[in-house]
Amino acid sequence: MTQSATVLAIDMGSSSLRVSLFDMAGNPIGDCVRRSYQLDTDLSGRATLACESLFADLFSALDALLTQPNDGSEIVAVGISTFWHSLVGIDAHQRPVTPVITWADGRAAHEAAALKFSGITGKLHRTTGCPVHSSFWPARLRWLEKAHPEVVQQTRHWLSAADLLFLMLFGEMSTSLSMASGSGLLDINQQIWSPLATSIAHVDRATLPAISEAPRRQLLPKWATRWPRLATIPWFPAWGDGACSNIGVGAQDEESLVLMLGTSGSMRRVWQAESVELNDPAMWCYRVDAQRFAGGMALSEGGNSAAWARQLITPEEAVDLEARIATMTPDAHGLSILPYFLGSRSPAWSEGRSAAILGLNAGTTPLEIYRATLESVGLRFAFLKQQLEKSWPASPHIIATGAGFSNSPVWAQIVADCLGEPLTVSPVEEGSLRGAALLTLERLGIPVAPPTAFPQGRTIQPDGQAHRIYCHARDRQAAFDAGILDILRRRLDELN
């Protein structure tokens, strides 16, 4: 490798994507090109992305990056981070017959609930690492079979969004171990499509892509002409964005817990092991690659919850919004919010969840609802941390990452106060993007730097008085949540 060698990293998320170049030490070079978009949602629980517009955004971002002034550096490989759990059906002509159905799509909720009622949950979770939930393919494929049989009839292969991208660029159909592990159909220890899971999903394994970690090296002529610098270099199969984020901020072992607050939220670790034994039904566990696992708990709530509450804010109130909410006393509004605007995941992985607000009165203001929404997400993190520590020892080092921390110092402080523990905010602005670059360098034979080599950001110390207040608010939120869950269970029992 020459000093002028670079790798190109792509991070395709559920609300935005980024592309950038990185040097051989994993440091970003030049400008990062970004594109934003929105999930197509409705009251049925749909949360999809149009294939054509998603990839058009990616391709235009690559165009913009590759037309930036070139200092003579050679791009030697491409690495990709993207969201887990997506599903796309393609027909015999390799054309999509569905949009990209994302992790947030809840329309398979009834099928997931039926699977839980059948008693298969524990065995399926231990085999695949994926709890039974509408986010994963077993329930989703069963729902499509019933709700859209014409789509299933047209479909010849089921892919993730990353798999479809590689099919478009290289004309070859395969998936990575990481992407397969997020589907809910992979036996994560055997590293093969699970006969149990595929049987439950009513899917023929012949319709699933082959699992391969081999890079692709020859773009189809259309794309080779468009991007000659990328035409014959290795493109490595995609890694899940959560795993990439941990790698990107230096959390590569069981000592570090990453708390991510973006469109959604999660608390996760990455570790090296030959196999895993899953005993906690609340936890998810996927593959980074053949040597490493990523696991933890996941929230559907996060930036999407704040975005909903911000709609209530007037333009006048939006001026200096951070300063306005910073002056508000913790939990003074008296509201309890369940921020399930895109459903609910850990720890119960319950179906049919929606957001709810308890404690509204005629004097409640939009600013109070906004502050309460930020607090509600912080309280959910605190609750998850309690649950995690039943299976994992307390983490000496919590690394915070995601737009929620970089864009809102007030929200960052709220989360630290809810947890009652210090948070080290990673200065790495794009953890998943950098993680894709570092994993690409590793595949090229350049090891990922040890955690001590990563930059350390500011540490947010919790306020003791605020934490005591939030402990009561957390218990109040948990009681509200349990009450709603009890109502849903009784409705489910009536249906069954």
Protein backbone atom coordinates (compact mmCIF):
# COMPACT_ATOMS: atom_id res chain seq x y z
CA MET A 1 0.00 0.00 0.00
CA THR A 2 1.29 3.46 -0.86
CA GLN A 3 1.00 6.48 1.41
CA SER A 4 -1.56 7.90 -1.01
CA ALA A 5 -3.82 4.84 -0.79
CA THR A 6 -7.36 5.33 0.54
CA VAL A 7 -10.48 3.29 1.14
CA LEU A 8 -14.01 4.43 0.38
CA ALA A 9 -16.62 3.83 3.08
CA ILE A 10 -20.41 3.89 2.69
CA ASP A 11 -22.86 4.08 5.59
CA MET A 12 -26.46 3.58 4.48
CA GLY A 13 -28.83 4.23 7.38
CA SER A 14 -32.59 4.25 7.70
CA SER A 15 -32.85 8.06 7.55
CA SER A 16 -29.64 9.16 5.84
CA LEU A 17 -26.50 7.92 4.14
CA ARG A 18 -22.89 9.05 4.07
CA VAL A 19 -19.85 8.34 1.87
CA SER A 20 -16.27 9.35 2.55
CA LEU A 21 -12.63 8.47 1.92
CA PHE A 22 -10.29 7.28 4.68
CA ASP A 23 -6.52 6.95 4.84
CA MET A 24 -4.63 3.81 5.83
CA ALA A 25 -4.87 4.75 9.52
CA GLY A 26 -8.66 5.00 9.33
CA ASN A 27 -8.79 8.81 9.40
CA PRO A 28 -11.32 10.62 7.17
CA ILE A 29 -10.00 12.54 4.18
CA GLY A 30 -11.81 15.41 2.51
CA ASP A 31 -15.52 16.09 2.76
CA CYS A 32 -18.12 13.53 3.76
CA VAL A 33 -21.03 13.53 1.31
CA ARG A 34 -24.47 13.10 2.91
CA ARG A 35 -27.99 12.46 1.71
CA SER A 36 -31.13 12.46 3.87
CA TYR A 37 -34.50 10.81 3.33
CA GLN A 38 -37.55 9.73 5.30
CA LEU A 39 -39.24 6.42 5.94
CA ASP A 40 -42.59 5.99 4.22
CA THR A 41 -44.89 5.37 7.17
CA ASP A 42 -48.62 5.09 7.76
CA LEU A 43 -51.08 4.06 10.47
CA SER A 44 -50.84 0.39 9.49
CA GLY A 45 -47.26 0.28 10.76
CA ARG A 46 -45.58 0.53 7.38
CA ALA A 47 -42.00 1.80 7.45
CA THR A 48 -40.38 1.37 4.06
CA LEU A 49 -37.93 3.00 1.66
CA ALA A 50 -38.37 3.08 -2.12
CA CYS A 51 -35.57 1.05 -3.72
CA GLU A 52 -35.16 3.39 -6.66
CA SER A 53 -34.87 6.59 -4.63
CA LEU A 54 -32.65 5.01 -1.95
CA PHE A 55 -30.09 3.83 -4.48
CA ALA A 56 -30.40 7.02 -6.53
CA ASP A 57 -29.37 8.94 -3.41
CA LEU A 58 -26.42 6.61 -2.88
CA PHE A 59 -25.27 6.80 -6.47
CA SER A 60 -25.52 10.60 -6.55
CA ALA A 61 -23.48 10.73 -3.32
CA LEU A 62 -20.80 8.56 -4.92
CA ASP A 63 -20.83 10.85 -7.98
CA ALA A 64 -20.33 13.88 -5.75
CA LEU A 65 -17.51 12.27 -3.79
CA LEU A 66 -15.65 11.07 -6.86
CA THR A 67 -15.85 14.46 -8.57
CA GLN A 68 -14.19 16.21 -5.63
CA PRO A 69 -10.65 17.47 -6.38
CA ASN A 70 -8.32 14.44 -6.37
CA ASP A 71 -4.94 14.73 -4.67
CA GLY A 72 -3.69 11.71 -6.58
CA SER A 73 -4.71 9.17 -3.98
CA GLU A 74 -5.66 5.71 -5.13
CA ILE A 75 -8.86 4.12 -3.83
CA VAL A 76 -7.95 0.51 -3.05
CA ALA A 77 -11.20 -0.91 -1.63
CA VAL A 78 -14.82 -0.14 -0.69
CA GLY A 79 -16.52 -1.06 2.59
CA ILE A 80 -20.20 -0.74 3.45
CA SER A 81 -22.16 -0.32 6.66
CA THR A 82 -25.93 -0.57 6.46
CA PHE A 83 -29.00 -1.16 8.61
CA TRP A 84 -29.84 -4.68 9.69
CA HIS A 85 -33.16 -6.55 9.14
CA SER A 86 -34.25 -5.02 5.80
CA LEU A 87 -36.18 -7.22 3.37
CA VAL A 88 -36.73 -6.88 -0.39
CA GLY A 89 -38.35 -9.37 -2.76
CA ILE A 90 -37.14 -9.59 -6.38
CA ASP A 91 -38.78 -11.34 -9.32
CA ALA A 92 -37.37 -13.68 -11.98
CA HIS A 93 -35.95 -10.67 -13.83
CA GLN A 94 -34.20 -9.47 -10.65
CA ARG A 95 -36.53 -6.48 -10.32
CA PRO A 96 -37.84 -5.46 -6.88
CA VAL A 97 -41.46 -6.38 -6.25
CA THR A 98 -41.44 -4.78 -2.79
CA PRO A 99 -39.92 -1.62 -1.37
CA VAL A 100 -37.16 -1.96 1.21
CA ILE A 101 -39.09 -3.10 4.29
CA THR A 102 -37.07 -1.73 7.21
CA TRP A 103 -36.56 -2.78 10.83
CA ALA A 104 -39.22 -0.25 11.88
CA ASP A 105 -42.04 -1.82 9.86
CA GLY A 106 -44.56 -3.27 12.30
CA ARG A 107 -47.16 -4.78 9.97
CA ALA A 108 -46.09 -8.33 10.85
CA ALA A 109 -46.96 -7.75 14.52
CA HIS A 110 -49.84 -10.22 14.60
CA GLU A 111 -47.72 -12.97 13.03
CA ALA A 112 -44.96 -12.33 15.57
CA ALA A 113 -47.49 -12.48 18.39
CA ALA A 114 -48.84 -15.78 17.03
CA LEU A 115 -45.34 -17.25 16.93
CA LYS A 116 -44.82 -16.24 20.56
CA PHE A 117 -48.11 -17.87 21.46
CA SER A 118 -46.95 -21.08 19.75
CA GLY A 119 -44.08 -21.49 22.23
CA ILE A 120 -41.30 -21.52 19.63
CA THR A 121 -39.76 -18.25 20.84
CA GLY A 122 -37.00 -19.63 23.05
CA LYS A 123 -35.64 -22.17 20.59
CA LEU A 124 -35.76 -19.74 17.68
CA HIS A 125 -33.96 -17.06 19.70
CA ARG A 126 -31.23 -19.44 20.86
CA THR A 127 -30.67 -20.58 17.28
CA THR A 128 -30.71 -17.26 15.44
CA GLY A 129 -29.88 -14.66 18.11
CA CYS A 130 -32.99 -12.75 17.05
CA PRO A 131 -36.02 -12.42 19.35
CA VAL A 132 -39.37 -13.18 17.77
CA HIS A 133 -40.55 -9.78 16.57
CA SER A 134 -42.02 -8.05 13.53
CA SER A 135 -38.57 -6.62 12.74
CA PHE A 136 -37.27 -10.02 11.65
CA TRP A 137 -37.92 -12.16 8.60
CA PRO A 138 -39.78 -15.17 10.11
CA ALA A 139 -42.81 -13.09 11.12
CA ARG A 140 -42.45 -10.75 8.16
CA LEU A 141 -42.43 -13.49 5.53
CA ARG A 142 -45.43 -15.18 7.14
CA TRP A 143 -47.26 -11.84 7.08
CA LEU A 144 -46.43 -11.27 3.41
CA GLU A 145 -47.68 -14.77 2.60
CA LYS A 146 -51.07 -13.93 4.09
CA ALA A 147 -51.44 -10.22 3.37
CA HIS A 148 -49.78 -10.08 -0.06
CA PRO A 149 -49.78 -13.55 -1.64
CA GLU A 150 -49.38 -12.00 -5.09
CA VAL A 151 -46.05 -10.51 -3.98
CA VAL A 152 -44.83 -13.86 -2.64
CA GLN A 153 -45.91 -15.52 -5.89
CA GLN A 154 -43.87 -13.04 -7.94
CA THR A 155 -40.81 -13.25 -5.70
CA ARG A 156 -37.94 -15.52 -6.68
CA HIS A 157 -35.41 -14.36 -4.10
CA TRP A 158 -35.49 -12.57 -0.76
CA LEU A 159 -32.65 -10.13 -0.12
CA SER A 160 -31.52 -7.36 2.20
CA ALA A 161 -31.06 -3.85 0.82
CA ALA A 162 -27.27 -4.42 0.81
CA ASP A 163 -27.70 -7.67 -1.16
CA LEU A 164 -29.84 -5.90 -3.75
CA LEU A 165 -27.19 -3.19 -4.08
CA PHE A 166 -24.48 -5.80 -4.83
CA LEU A 167 -26.77 -7.55 -7.30
CA MET A 168 -27.30 -4.24 -9.13
CA LEU A 169 -23.58 -3.39 -9.17
CA PHE A 170 -22.04 -6.81 -9.87
CA GLY A 171 -24.82 -9.01 -11.22
CA GLU A 172 -24.10 -11.59 -8.50
CA MET A 173 -26.45 -12.67 -5.72
CA SER A 174 -25.02 -13.25 -2.25
CA THR A 175 -25.20 -11.90 1.28
CA SER A 176 -22.69 -11.33 4.04
CA LEU A 177 -22.61 -13.24 7.30
CA SER A 178 -23.39 -9.99 9.10
CA MET A 179 -26.46 -9.18 7.00
CA ALA A 180 -27.71 -12.78 7.19
CA SER A 181 -27.42 -12.73 10.98
CA GLY A 182 -29.82 -9.78 11.20
CA SER A 183 -32.55 -11.56 9.27
CA GLY A 184 -33.64 -13.99 11.98
CA LEU A 185 -33.05 -16.93 9.60
CA LEU A 186 -29.35 -17.65 10.27
CA ASP A 187 -28.05 -20.25 12.69
CA ILE A 188 -25.49 -17.88 14.18
CA ASN A 189 -23.23 -20.62 15.54
CA GLN A 190 -23.35 -22.92 12.51
CA GLN A 191 -23.22 -19.90 10.15
CA ILE A 192 -25.80 -21.40 7.79
CA TRP A 193 -29.44 -20.72 6.99
CA SER A 194 -31.34 -22.38 9.81
CA PRO A 195 -33.70 -25.24 8.81
CA LEU A 196 -35.81 -24.40 11.88
CA ALA A 197 -36.11 -20.68 11.11
CA THR A 198 -36.72 -21.11 7.38
CA SER A 199 -39.40 -23.70 8.10
CA ILE A 200 -41.13 -21.34 10.51
CA ALA A 201 -40.86 -18.53 7.95
CA HIS A 202 -42.39 -20.74 5.22
CA VAL A 203 -39.47 -19.90 2.95
CA ASP A 204 -37.51 -22.19 0.63
CA ARG A 205 -33.78 -21.86 1.31
CA ALA A 206 -33.24 -21.82 -2.46
CA THR A 207 -34.85 -18.36 -2.50
CA LEU A 208 -32.22 -17.01 -0.11
CA PRO A 209 -28.84 -15.72 -1.29
CA ALA A 210 -25.66 -17.69 -0.74
CA ILE A 211 -23.62 -16.54 2.26
CA SER A 212 -20.20 -15.32 1.21
CA GLU A 213 -17.54 -13.08 2.72
CA ALA A 214 -15.62 -12.85 -0.56
CA PRO A 215 -15.23 -9.35 -2.03
CA ARG A 216 -16.58 -8.45 -5.45
CA ARG A 217 -14.01 -6.97 -7.85
CA GLN A 218 -15.58 -6.15 -11.21
CA LEU A 219 -18.41 -3.65 -11.53
CA LEU A 220 -20.84 -4.19 -14.36
CA PRO A 221 -19.97 -2.05 -17.42
CA LYS A 222 -22.64 0.57 -16.67
CA TRP A 223 -21.13 1.31 -13.28
CA ALA A 224 -17.51 0.81 -14.32
CA THR A 225 -17.96 3.56 -16.89
CA ARG A 226 -19.60 5.82 -14.31
CA TRP A 227 -16.97 5.22 -11.59
CA PRO A 228 -13.73 4.03 -13.22
CA ARG A 229 -11.79 4.48 -9.94
CA LEU A 230 -14.04 1.86 -8.35
CA ALA A 231 -14.35 -0.52 -11.29
CA THR A 232 -11.85 -3.29 -10.42
CA ILE A 233 -11.07 -2.83 -6.72
CA PRO A 234 -12.55 -5.08 -4.00
CA TRP A 235 -15.97 -4.19 -2.62
CA PHE A 236 -16.44 -6.03 0.67
CA PRO A 237 -19.87 -7.41 1.60
CA ALA A 238 -21.80 -5.18 4.00
CA TRP A 239 -21.54 -5.18 7.77
CA GLY A 240 -24.38 -4.23 10.12
CA ASP A 241 -24.29 -0.58 11.14
CA GLY A 242 -24.46 -1.32 14.87
CA ALA A 243 -21.34 -3.48 14.72
CA CYS A 244 -19.59 -0.89 12.56
CA SER A 245 -20.42 1.84 15.06
CA ASN A 246 -18.72 -0.06 17.90
CA ILE A 247 -15.64 -0.71 15.79
CA GLY A 248 -15.61 2.91 14.61
CA VAL A 249 -15.47 4.38 18.13
CA GLY A 250 -12.98 1.85 19.50
CA ALA A 251 -15.36 -0.37 21.49
CA GLN A 252 -14.02 -3.72 20.39
CA ASP A 253 -14.21 -5.83 23.54
CA GLU A 254 -16.50 -6.73 26.44
CA GLU A 255 -15.08 -3.93 28.60
CA SER A 256 -16.82 -1.21 26.58
CA LEU A 257 -20.53 -0.64 26.20
CA VAL A 258 -21.70 1.66 23.42
CA LEU A 259 -24.85 3.68 23.98
CA MET A 260 -26.06 4.87 20.59
CA LEU A 261 -28.72 7.55 20.22
CA GLY A 262 -29.63 8.14 16.60
CA THR A 263 -32.92 7.62 14.76
CA SER A 264 -33.34 4.70 17.16
CA GLY A 265 -31.23 3.66 20.13
CA SER A 266 -29.22 0.73 21.40
CA MET A 267 -26.78 -0.46 24.03
CA ARG A 268 -24.34 -3.02 22.65
CA ARG A 269 -20.99 -4.75 22.83
CA VAL A 270 -18.75 -6.41 20.26
CA TRP A 271 -16.63 -9.38 21.29
CA GLN A 272 -14.62 -12.22 19.81
CA ALA A 273 -15.80 -15.80 20.33
CA GLU A 274 -16.18 -19.09 18.50
CA SER A 275 -19.84 -19.41 19.51
CA VAL A 276 -22.48 -17.94 21.82
CA GLU A 277 -25.04 -19.36 24.21
CA LEU A 278 -28.08 -17.13 24.58
CA ASN A 279 -29.99 -17.28 27.85
CA ASP A 280 -31.56 -13.82 28.08
CA PRO A 281 -34.62 -13.56 25.80
CA ALA A 282 -34.45 -9.77 25.92
CA MET A 283 -31.07 -9.58 24.18
CA TRP A 284 -30.25 -9.72 20.51
CA CYS A 285 -27.02 -11.16 19.11
CA TYR A 286 -25.81 -10.89 15.51
CA ARG A 287 -22.58 -11.53 13.66
CA VAL A 288 -19.91 -8.97 12.81
CA ASP A 289 -18.03 -11.64 10.89
CA ALA A 290 -16.88 -15.23 11.36
CA GLN A 291 -14.85 -14.32 14.46
CA ARG A 292 -16.94 -11.68 16.23
CA PHE A 293 -20.41 -11.11 17.60
CA ALA A 294 -22.37 -7.97 18.40
CA GLY A 295 -25.10 -8.05 21.02
CA GLY A 296 -27.16 -6.03 23.43
CA MET A 297 -30.56 -4.40 23.58
CA ALA A 298 -32.30 -2.18 21.05
CA LEU A 299 -34.75 0.69 21.26
CA SER A 300 -37.05 1.69 18.42
CA GLU A 301 -37.26 5.10 20.11
CA GLY A 302 -34.65 7.84 19.72
CA GLY A 303 -34.36 10.72 17.30
CA ASN A 304 -37.66 9.74 15.70
CA SER A 305 -39.40 10.42 19.03
CA ALA A 306 -37.77 13.83 19.37
CA ALA A 307 -38.69 14.64 15.77
CA TRP A 308 -42.36 13.93 16.51
CA ALA A 309 -42.36 16.15 19.61
CA ARG A 310 -40.53 18.93 17.80
CA GLN A 311 -43.46 19.23 15.38
CA LEU A 312 -45.45 20.70 18.28
CA ILE A 313 -42.96 23.53 18.77
CA THR A 314 -43.84 26.90 17.23
CA PRO A 315 -41.22 28.73 15.11
CA GLU A 316 -40.85 31.28 17.89
CA GLU A 317 -40.22 28.57 20.50
CA ALA A 318 -37.79 26.80 18.18
CA VAL A 319 -35.40 29.76 18.45
CA ASP A 320 -32.81 28.85 21.11
CA LEU A 321 -34.71 25.63 21.82
CA GLU A 322 -31.74 24.02 23.57
CA ALA A 323 -31.40 26.99 25.92
CA ARG A 324 -35.13 26.97 26.65
CA ILE A 325 -35.30 23.30 27.64
CA ALA A 326 -32.01 23.52 29.55
CA THR A 327 -33.64 25.84 32.09
CA MET A 328 -36.45 23.36 32.83
CA THR A 329 -36.33 21.33 36.04
CA PRO A 330 -36.05 17.56 35.52
CA ASP A 331 -39.46 15.84 35.46
CA ALA A 332 -41.21 19.03 36.63
CA HIS A 333 -43.85 18.56 33.89
CA GLY A 334 -45.19 15.41 35.62
CA LEU A 335 -45.61 13.57 32.32
CA SER A 336 -44.94 9.91 31.68
CA ILE A 337 -44.26 9.17 28.01
CA LEU A 338 -43.88 5.84 26.25
CA PRO A 339 -41.95 7.01 23.16
CA TYR A 340 -42.92 4.10 20.88
CA PHE A 341 -43.52 6.13 17.72
CA LEU A 342 -41.92 3.34 15.68
CA GLY A 343 -43.00 0.51 17.94
CA SER A 344 -41.08 -1.20 20.73
CA ARG A 345 -38.19 -3.64 20.90
CA SER A 346 -36.07 -4.50 23.99
CA PRO A 347 -36.60 -5.84 26.53
CA ALA A 348 -40.10 -7.27 25.96
CA TRP A 349 -40.05 -7.22 22.13
CA SER A 350 -43.81 -6.76 22.42
CA GLU A 351 -46.00 -6.18 19.39
CA GLY A 352 -48.58 -3.55 18.61
CA ARG A 353 -46.95 -0.90 20.76
CA SER A 354 -47.59 2.78 20.09
CA ALA A 355 -46.61 5.99 21.82
CA ALA A 356 -48.63 7.20 24.79
CA ILE A 357 -48.58 10.23 27.10
CA LEU A 358 -49.93 10.18 30.64
CA GLY A 359 -50.42 13.31 32.75
CA LEU A 360 -51.50 15.91 30.21
CA ASN A 361 -53.68 18.78 31.40
CA ALA A 362 -54.82 22.14 30.05
CA GLY A 363 -51.63 23.81 31.24
CA THR A 364 -49.17 21.43 29.55
CA THR A 365 -47.04 23.25 26.97
CA PRO A 366 -45.37 21.95 23.79
CA LEU A 367 -41.97 22.74 25.33
CA GLU A 368 -42.80 20.52 28.30
CA ILE A 369 -43.88 17.70 25.99
CA TYR A 370 -40.62 18.08 24.06
CA ARG A 371 -38.48 18.01 27.20
CA ALA A 372 -40.50 15.08 28.56
CA THR A 373 -39.96 13.17 25.30
CA LEU A 374 -36.19 13.60 25.54
CA GLU A 375 -36.36 12.44 29.15
CA SER A 376 -38.54 9.46 28.23
CA VAL A 377 -35.84 8.12 25.90
CA GLY A 378 -33.22 8.63 28.61
CA LEU A 379 -35.41 6.73 31.07
CA ARG A 380 -35.76 3.87 28.60
CA PHE A 381 -31.96 3.66 28.37
CA ALA A 382 -31.77 3.56 32.18
CA PHE A 383 -34.32 0.75 32.26
CA LEU A 384 -32.40 -1.23 29.62
CA LYS A 385 -29.16 -0.77 31.54
CA GLN A 386 -30.81 -2.39 34.57
CA GLN A 387 -31.93 -5.32 32.42
CA LEU A 388 -28.53 -5.75 30.76
CA GLU A 389 -26.75 -5.99 34.07
CA LYS A 390 -28.73 -9.12 34.89
CA SER A 391 -26.73 -10.89 32.16
CA TRP A 392 -23.63 -8.73 31.79
CA PRO A 393 -21.42 -7.21 34.49
CA ALA A 394 -21.52 -3.44 34.84
CA SER A 395 -19.40 -1.75 32.19
CA PRO A 396 -16.51 0.36 33.44
CA HIS A 397 -16.64 2.40 30.26
CA ILE A 398 -19.80 3.65 28.52
CA ILE A 399 -19.15 5.29 25.16
CA ALA A 400 -21.94 7.52 23.86
CA THR A 401 -22.36 8.06 20.15
CA GLY A 402 -24.97 9.19 17.64
CA ALA A 403 -26.60 12.41 16.50
CA GLY A 404 -28.59 12.68 19.72
CA PHE A 405 -25.36 13.40 21.59
CA SER A 406 -23.58 15.45 18.95
CA ASN A 407 -26.60 17.67 18.22
CA SER A 408 -28.04 18.22 21.70
CA PRO A 409 -25.84 18.76 24.78
CA VAL A 410 -29.02 19.00 26.86
CA TRP A 411 -30.21 15.57 25.74
CA ALA A 412 -26.74 14.12 26.40
CA GLN A 413 -26.88 15.44 29.98
CA ILE A 414 -30.41 14.09 30.44
CA VAL A 415 -29.27 10.59 29.41
CA ALA A 416 -26.30 10.71 31.79
CA ASP A 417 -28.56 11.90 34.61
CA CYS A 418 -31.08 9.14 33.90
CA LEU A 419 -28.34 6.49 33.98
CA GLY A 420 -26.56 8.02 36.94
CA GLU A 421 -23.25 7.11 35.31
CA PRO A 422 -20.56 9.04 33.40
CA LEU A 423 -20.76 8.94 29.62
CA THR A 424 -17.75 9.44 27.39
CA VAL A 425 -19.02 11.06 24.21
CA SER A 426 -17.01 9.78 21.27
CA PRO A 427 -15.52 12.57 19.14
CA VAL A 428 -15.91 10.31 16.09
CA GLU A 429 -18.74 12.00 14.23
CA GLU A 430 -19.63 9.08 11.98
CA GLY A 431 -18.93 5.91 13.93
CA SER A 432 -20.60 3.47 11.53
CA LEU A 433 -18.92 5.06 8.54
CA ARG A 434 -15.49 4.92 10.17
CA GLY A 435 -16.19 1.38 11.34
CA ALA A 436 -16.81 0.29 7.75
CA ALA A 437 -13.48 1.87 6.78
CA LEU A 438 -11.62 0.15 9.64
CA LEU A 439 -13.14 -3.24 8.86
CA THR A 440 -12.19 -2.75 5.21
CA LEU A 441 -8.59 -2.00 6.22
CA GLU A 442 -8.62 -5.10 8.40
CA ARG A 443 -9.76 -7.22 5.46
CA LEU A 444 -6.87 -5.74 3.48
CA GLY A 445 -4.46 -6.98 6.16
CA ILE A 446 -4.17 -3.74 8.14
CA PRO A 447 -5.32 -4.48 11.73
CA VAL A 448 -7.88 -2.30 13.45
CA ALA A 449 -6.20 0.01 15.97
CA PRO A 450 -6.44 -0.96 19.67
CA PRO A 451 -8.98 0.97 21.79
CA THR A 452 -6.20 3.05 23.38
CA ALA A 453 -5.41 4.53 19.97
CA PHE A 454 -8.89 6.03 19.54
CA PRO A 455 -9.56 9.65 20.47
CA GLN A 456 -11.33 10.19 23.77
CA GLY A 457 -14.10 12.78 23.93
CA ARG A 458 -15.60 14.77 26.75
CA THR A 459 -17.05 12.96 29.74
CA ILE A 460 -20.51 13.92 30.93
CA GLN A 461 -20.85 13.57 34.68
CA PRO A 462 -24.34 12.86 36.01
CA ASP A 463 -26.02 15.27 38.39
CA GLY A 464 -26.85 13.40 41.61
CA GLN A 465 -30.03 15.30 42.41
CA ALA A 466 -31.33 14.95 38.84
CA HIS A 467 -30.58 11.21 38.94
CA ARG A 468 -32.64 10.74 42.10
CA ILE A 469 -35.56 12.53 40.46
CA TYR A 470 -35.21 10.42 37.33
CA CYS A 471 -35.15 7.16 39.32
CA HIS A 472 -38.71 7.95 40.46
CA ALA A 473 -39.67 8.97 36.92
CA ARG A 474 -38.20 5.70 35.55
CA ASP A 475 -40.29 3.65 37.95
CA ARG A 476 -43.39 5.66 37.04
CA GLN A 477 -42.71 5.11 33.33
CA ALA A 478 -42.15 1.38 33.92
CA ALA A 479 -45.45 1.09 35.79
CA PHE A 480 -47.26 2.91 32.96
CA ASP A 481 -45.59 0.59 30.45
CA ALA A 482 -46.55 -2.52 32.42
CA GLY A 483 -50.15 -1.37 32.60
CA ILE A 484 -50.37 -0.92 28.83
CA LEU A 485 -48.68 -4.28 28.27
CA ASP A 486 -51.26 -5.96 30.51
CA ILE A 487 -54.08 -4.50 28.41
CA LEU A 488 -52.42 -5.72 25.20
CA ARG A 489 -51.91 -9.23 26.60
CA ARG A 490 -55.56 -9.47 27.56
CA ARG A 491 -56.59 -8.38 24.07
CA LEU A 492 -54.25 -10.99 22.59
CA ASP A 493 -55.72 -13.70 24.82
CA GLU A 494 -59.18 -12.72 23.62
CA LEU A 495 -58.08 -13.01 19.98
CA ASN A 496 -56.55 -16.41 20.55
